[in-house]
Amino acid sequence: SVSARPSDALALALRVKANILVSHELMDSAGIEIPTAGNGESEVEAFKEFLDQINPEDFA
């Protein structure tokens, strides 16, 4: 057991490639959902369409 701040403990675990264990209760209460790759692709397509429709004069 090592006494450390959570951020330091996570950084150390990542550096030495140690497993990081978290209870289901903690993940349920404090976890976040990361958007899937499919959502990002639609955002990229929307941005590409936006770029196709703008002109340099729009920035003047």
PDB file of N, CA and C in Angstrom:
ATOM      1  N   SER A   1       0.838  -1.176   0.000  1.00  0.00           N
ATOM      2  CA  SER A   1       0.000   0.000   0.000  1.00  0.00           C
ATOM      3  C   SER A   1       0.885   1.242   0.000  1.00  0.00           C
ATOM      4  N   VAL A   2       0.540   2.190  -0.845  1.00  0.00           N
ATOM      5  CA  VAL A   2       1.287   3.437  -0.956  1.00  0.00           C
ATOM      6  C   VAL A   2       0.318   4.586  -0.744  1.00  0.00           C
ATOM      7  N   SER A   3       0.699   5.530   0.090  1.00  0.00           N
ATOM      8  CA  SER A   3      -0.129   6.710   0.305  1.00  0.00           C
ATOM      9  C   SER A   3       0.145   7.703  -0.815  1.00  0.00           C
ATOM     10  N   ALA A   4      -0.906   8.080  -1.555  1.00  0.00           N
ATOM     11  CA  ALA A   4      -0.729   9.003  -2.679  1.00  0.00           C
ATOM     12  C   ALA A   4      -2.056   9.668  -3.010  1.00  0.00           C
ATOM     13  N   ARG A   5      -1.955  10.833  -3.634  1.00  0.00           N
ATOM     14  CA  ARG A   5      -3.163  11.482  -4.146  1.00  0.00           C
ATOM     15  C   ARG A   5      -3.676  10.641  -5.308  1.00  0.00           C
ATOM     16  N   PRO A   6      -4.989  10.653  -5.550  1.00  0.00           N
ATOM     17  CA  PRO A   6      -5.533   9.839  -6.648  1.00  0.00           C
ATOM     18  C   PRO A   6      -4.870  10.123  -7.994  1.00  0.00           C
ATOM     19  N   SER A   7      -4.619  11.390  -8.303  1.00  0.00           N
ATOM     20  CA  SER A   7      -4.011  11.718  -9.598  1.00  0.00           C
ATOM     21  C   SER A   7      -2.602  11.146  -9.704  1.00  0.00           C
ATOM     22  N   ASP A   8      -1.837  11.211  -8.614  1.00  0.00           N
ATOM     23  CA  ASP A   8      -0.481  10.657  -8.627  1.00  0.00           C
ATOM     24  C   ASP A   8      -0.511   9.136  -8.715  1.00  0.00           C
ATOM     25  N   ALA A   9      -1.458   8.523  -8.008  1.00  0.00           N
ATOM     26  CA  ALA A   9      -1.570   7.067  -8.034  1.00  0.00           C
ATOM     27  C   ALA A   9      -1.923   6.575  -9.438  1.00  0.00           C
ATOM     28  N   LEU A  10      -2.848   7.274 -10.107  1.00  0.00           N
ATOM     29  CA  LEU A  10      -3.206   6.884 -11.474  1.00  0.00           C
ATOM     30  C   LEU A  10      -2.036   7.080 -12.430  1.00  0.00           C
ATOM     31  N   ALA A  11      -1.317   8.186 -12.288  1.00  0.00           N
ATOM     32  CA  ALA A  11      -0.162   8.439 -13.152  1.00  0.00           C
ATOM     33  C   ALA A  11       0.893   7.355 -12.965  1.00  0.00           C
ATOM     34  N   LEU A  12       1.145   6.966 -11.724  1.00  0.00           N
ATOM     35  CA  LEU A  12       2.126   5.920 -11.448  1.00  0.00           C
ATOM     36  C   LEU A  12       1.668   4.581 -12.020  1.00  0.00           C
ATOM     37  N   ALA A  13       0.390   4.254 -11.823  1.00  0.00           N
ATOM     38  CA  ALA A  13      -0.135   2.990 -12.346  1.00  0.00           C
ATOM     39  C   ALA A  13      -0.028   2.938 -13.869  1.00  0.00           C
ATOM     40  N   LEU A  14      -0.328   4.043 -14.528  1.00  0.00           N
ATOM     41  CA  LEU A  14      -0.212   4.077 -15.988  1.00  0.00           C
ATOM     42  C   LEU A  14       1.235   3.936 -16.436  1.00  0.00           C
ATOM     43  N   ARG A  15       2.139   4.580 -15.706  1.00  0.00           N
ATOM     44  CA  ARG A  15       3.557   4.532 -16.084  1.00  0.00           C
ATOM     45  C   ARG A  15       4.114   3.112 -16.010  1.00  0.00           C
ATOM     46  N   VAL A  16       3.730   2.364 -14.970  1.00  0.00           N
ATOM     47  CA  VAL A  16       4.260   1.005 -14.811  1.00  0.00           C
ATOM     48  C   VAL A  16       3.324  -0.047 -15.408  1.00  0.00           C
ATOM     49  N   LYS A  17       2.280   0.419 -16.106  1.00  0.00           N
ATOM     50  CA  LYS A  17       1.311  -0.454 -16.771  1.00  0.00           C
ATOM     51  C   LYS A  17       0.648  -1.424 -15.800  1.00  0.00           C
ATOM     52  N   ALA A  18       0.306  -0.906 -14.617  1.00  0.00           N
ATOM     53  CA  ALA A  18      -0.384  -1.714 -13.614  1.00  0.00           C
ATOM     54  C   ALA A  18      -1.888  -1.671 -13.871  1.00  0.00           C
ATOM     55  N   ASN A  19      -2.575  -2.689 -13.442  1.00  0.00           N
ATOM     56  CA  ASN A  19      -4.029  -2.702 -13.543  1.00  0.00           C
ATOM     57  C   ASN A  19      -4.611  -1.646 -12.613  1.00  0.00           C
ATOM     58  N   ILE A  20      -5.678  -1.003 -13.058  1.00  0.00           N
ATOM     59  CA  ILE A  20      -6.385  -0.023 -12.238  1.00  0.00           C
ATOM     60  C   ILE A  20      -7.774  -0.592 -11.991  1.00  0.00           C
ATOM     61  N   LEU A  21      -8.070  -0.891 -10.738  1.00  0.00           N
ATOM     62  CA  LEU A  21      -9.335  -1.508 -10.376  1.00  0.00           C
ATOM     63  C   LEU A  21     -10.261  -0.469  -9.753  1.00  0.00           C
ATOM     64  N   VAL A  22     -11.531  -0.488 -10.180  1.00  0.00           N
ATOM     65  CA  VAL A  22     -12.526   0.460  -9.684  1.00  0.00           C
ATOM     66  C   VAL A  22     -13.809  -0.313  -9.429  1.00  0.00           C
ATOM     67  N   SER A  23     -14.483   0.002  -8.333  1.00  0.00           N
ATOM     68  CA  SER A  23     -15.729  -0.690  -8.018  1.00  0.00           C
ATOM     69  C   SER A  23     -16.841  -0.245  -8.966  1.00  0.00           C
ATOM     70  N   HIS A  24     -17.807  -1.132  -9.172  1.00  0.00           N
ATOM     71  CA  HIS A  24     -18.954  -0.801 -10.018  1.00  0.00           C
ATOM     72  C   HIS A  24     -19.732   0.376  -9.437  1.00  0.00           C
ATOM     73  N   GLU A  25     -19.829   0.425  -8.107  1.00  0.00           N
ATOM     74  CA  GLU A  25     -20.564   1.514  -7.460  1.00  0.00           C
ATOM     75  C   GLU A  25     -19.932   2.869  -7.770  1.00  0.00           C
ATOM     76  N   LEU A  26     -18.607   2.935  -7.743  1.00  0.00           N
ATOM     77  CA  LEU A  26     -17.926   4.192  -8.050  1.00  0.00           C
ATOM     78  C   LEU A  26     -18.158   4.590  -9.503  1.00  0.00           C
ATOM     79  N   MET A  27     -18.048   3.638 -10.411  1.00  0.00           N
ATOM     80  CA  MET A  27     -18.267   3.953 -11.821  1.00  0.00           C
ATOM     81  C   MET A  27     -19.703   4.392 -12.077  1.00  0.00           C
ATOM     82  N   ASP A  28     -20.662   3.775 -11.371  1.00  0.00           N
ATOM     83  CA  ASP A  28     -22.061   4.169 -11.532  1.00  0.00           C
ATOM     84  C   ASP A  28     -22.304   5.588 -11.033  1.00  0.00           C
ATOM     85  N   SER A  29     -21.638   5.958  -9.940  1.00  0.00           N
ATOM     86  CA  SER A  29     -21.899   7.276  -9.360  1.00  0.00           C
ATOM     87  C   SER A  29     -21.043   8.383  -9.960  1.00  0.00           C
ATOM     88  N   ALA A  30     -19.820   8.084 -10.390  1.00  0.00           N
ATOM     89  CA  ALA A  30     -18.913   9.144 -10.841  1.00  0.00           C
ATOM     90  C   ALA A  30     -18.428   8.962 -12.273  1.00  0.00           C
ATOM     91  N   GLY A  31     -18.794   7.868 -12.899  1.00  0.00           N
ATOM     92  CA  GLY A  31     -18.311   7.615 -14.252  1.00  0.00           C
ATOM     93  C   GLY A  31     -19.013   8.478 -15.286  1.00  0.00           C
ATOM     94  N   ILE A  32     -18.397   8.586 -16.447  1.00  0.00           N
ATOM     95  CA  ILE A  32     -19.002   9.306 -17.565  1.00  0.00           C
ATOM     96  C   ILE A  32     -19.028   8.392 -18.775  1.00  0.00           C
ATOM     97  N   GLU A  33     -19.966   8.641 -19.677  1.00  0.00           N
ATOM     98  CA  GLU A  33     -20.023   7.864 -20.907  1.00  0.00           C
ATOM     99  C   GLU A  33     -19.263   8.601 -21.985  1.00  0.00           C
ATOM    100  N   ILE A  34     -18.397   7.877 -22.668  1.00  0.00           N
ATOM    101  CA  ILE A  34     -17.612   8.449 -23.755  1.00  0.00           C
ATOM    102  C   ILE A  34     -18.369   8.194 -25.052  1.00  0.00           C
ATOM    103  N   PRO A  35     -18.550   9.233 -25.876  1.00  0.00           N
ATOM    104  CA  PRO A  35     -19.270   9.035 -27.142  1.00  0.00           C
ATOM    105  C   PRO A  35     -18.591   7.973 -28.003  1.00  0.00           C
ATOM    106  N   THR A  36     -19.396   7.246 -28.752  1.00  0.00           N
ATOM    107  CA  THR A  36     -18.850   6.213 -29.627  1.00  0.00           C
ATOM    108  C   THR A  36     -18.218   6.849 -30.855  1.00  0.00           C
ATOM    109  N   ALA A  37     -17.413   6.078 -31.543  1.00  0.00           N
ATOM    110  CA  ALA A  37     -16.724   6.582 -32.732  1.00  0.00           C
ATOM    111  C   ALA A  37     -17.713   7.002 -33.807  1.00  0.00           C
ATOM    112  N   GLY A  38     -18.865   6.355 -33.862  1.00  0.00           N
ATOM    113  CA  GLY A  38     -19.867   6.704 -34.865  1.00  0.00           C
ATOM    114  C   GLY A  38     -20.321   8.140 -34.740  1.00  0.00           C
ATOM    115  N   ASN A  39     -20.470   8.647 -33.512  1.00  0.00           N
ATOM    116  CA  ASN A  39     -20.893  10.033 -33.320  1.00  0.00           C
ATOM    117  C   ASN A  39     -19.842  10.991 -33.837  1.00  0.00           C
ATOM    118  N   GLY A  40     -18.587  10.701 -33.624  1.00  0.00           N
ATOM    119  CA  GLY A  40     -17.518  11.575 -34.081  1.00  0.00           C
ATOM    120  C   GLY A  40     -17.454  11.652 -35.594  1.00  0.00           C
ATOM    121  N   GLU A  41     -17.752  10.538 -36.251  1.00  0.00           N
ATOM    122  CA  GLU A  41     -17.714  10.522 -37.711  1.00  0.00           C
ATOM    123  C   GLU A  41     -18.783  11.424 -38.293  1.00  0.00           C
ATOM    124  N   SER A  42     -19.966  11.454 -37.686  1.00  0.00           N
ATOM    125  CA  SER A  42     -21.017  12.328 -38.201  1.00  0.00           C
ATOM    126  C   SER A  42     -20.646  13.789 -37.983  1.00  0.00           C
ATOM    127  N   GLU A  43     -19.966  14.092 -36.890  1.00  0.00           N
ATOM    128  CA  GLU A  43     -19.508  15.458 -36.648  1.00  0.00           C
ATOM    129  C   GLU A  43     -18.476  15.867 -37.690  1.00  0.00           C
ATOM    130  N   VAL A  44     -17.596  14.959 -38.056  1.00  0.00           N
ATOM    131  CA  VAL A  44     -16.583  15.249 -39.074  1.00  0.00           C
ATOM    132  C   VAL A  44     -17.264  15.511 -40.410  1.00  0.00           C
ATOM    133  N   GLU A  45     -18.243  14.700 -40.755  1.00  0.00           N
ATOM    134  CA  GLU A  45     -18.960  14.894 -42.018  1.00  0.00           C
ATOM    135  C   GLU A  45     -19.684  16.233 -42.030  1.00  0.00           C
ATOM    136  N   ALA A  46     -20.310  16.607 -40.919  1.00  0.00           N
ATOM    137  CA  ALA A  46     -21.000  17.897 -40.831  1.00  0.00           C
ATOM    138  C   ALA A  46     -20.008  19.039 -40.987  1.00  0.00           C
ATOM    139  N   PHE A  47     -18.830  18.904 -40.410  1.00  0.00           N
ATOM    140  CA  PHE A  47     -17.812  19.955 -40.523  1.00  0.00           C
ATOM    141  C   PHE A  47     -17.304  20.057 -41.959  1.00  0.00           C
ATOM    142  N   LYS A  48     -17.132  18.918 -42.614  1.00  0.00           N
ATOM    143  CA  LYS A  48     -16.699  18.930 -44.019  1.00  0.00           C
ATOM    144  C   LYS A  48     -17.729  19.647 -44.891  1.00  0.00           C
ATOM    145  N   GLU A  49     -19.017  19.389 -44.638  1.00  0.00           N
ATOM    146  CA  GLU A  49     -20.070  20.070 -45.391  1.00  0.00           C
ATOM    147  C   GLU A  49     -20.021  21.571 -45.138  1.00  0.00           C
ATOM    148  N   PHE A  50     -19.800  21.959 -43.893  1.00  0.00           N
ATOM    149  CA  PHE A  50     -19.673  23.375 -43.547  1.00  0.00           C
ATOM    150  C   PHE A  50     -18.520  24.004 -44.320  1.00  0.00           C
ATOM    151  N   LEU A  51     -17.379  23.335 -44.358  1.00  0.00           N
ATOM    152  CA  LEU A  51     -16.217  23.863 -45.071  1.00  0.00           C
ATOM    153  C   LEU A  51     -16.482  24.005 -46.563  1.00  0.00           C
ATOM    154  N   ASP A  52     -17.265  23.088 -47.123  1.00  0.00           N
ATOM    155  CA  ASP A  52     -17.587  23.168 -48.549  1.00  0.00           C
ATOM    156  C   ASP A  52     -18.473  24.368 -48.876  1.00  0.00           C
ATOM    157  N   GLN A  53     -19.218  24.863 -47.879  1.00  0.00           N
ATOM    158  CA  GLN A  53     -20.182  25.932 -48.126  1.00  0.00           C
ATOM    159  C   GLN A  53     -19.666  27.326 -47.794  1.00  0.00           C
ATOM    160  N   ILE A  54     -18.534  27.463 -47.138  1.00  0.00           N
ATOM    161  CA  ILE A  54     -18.056  28.793 -46.764  1.00  0.00           C
ATOM    162  C   ILE A  54     -17.054  29.314 -47.785  1.00  0.00           C
ATOM    163  N   ASN A  55     -16.907  30.620 -47.792  1.00  0.00           N
ATOM    164  CA  ASN A  55     -15.969  31.297 -48.690  1.00  0.00           C
ATOM    165  C   ASN A  55     -14.983  32.101 -47.862  1.00  0.00           C
ATOM    166  N   PRO A  56     -13.800  32.370 -48.398  1.00  0.00           N
ATOM    167  CA  PRO A  56     -12.834  33.202 -47.664  1.00  0.00           C
ATOM    168  C   PRO A  56     -13.413  34.559 -47.270  1.00  0.00           C
ATOM    169  N   GLU A  57     -14.332  35.089 -48.085  1.00  0.00           N
ATOM    170  CA  GLU A  57     -14.941  36.381 -47.774  1.00  0.00           C
ATOM    171  C   GLU A  57     -15.769  36.337 -46.488  1.00  0.00           C
ATOM    172  N   ASP A  58     -16.228  35.157 -46.098  1.00  0.00           N
ATOM    173  CA  ASP A  58     -17.012  35.025 -44.868  1.00  0.00           C
ATOM    174  C   ASP A  58     -16.199  35.396 -43.636  1.00  0.00           C
ATOM    175  N   PHE A  59     -14.887  35.388 -43.747  1.00  0.00           N
ATOM    176  CA  PHE A  59     -14.020  35.684 -42.610  1.00  0.00           C
ATOM    177  C   PHE A  59     -13.536  37.127 -42.598  1.00  0.00           C
ATOM    178  N   ALA A  60     -13.948  37.920 -43.583  1.00  0.00           N
ATOM    179  CA  ALA A  60     -13.481  39.311 -43.680  1.00  0.00           C
ATOM    180  C   ALA A  60     -14.259  40.238 -42.773  1.00  0.00           C
TER     181      ALA A  60
END
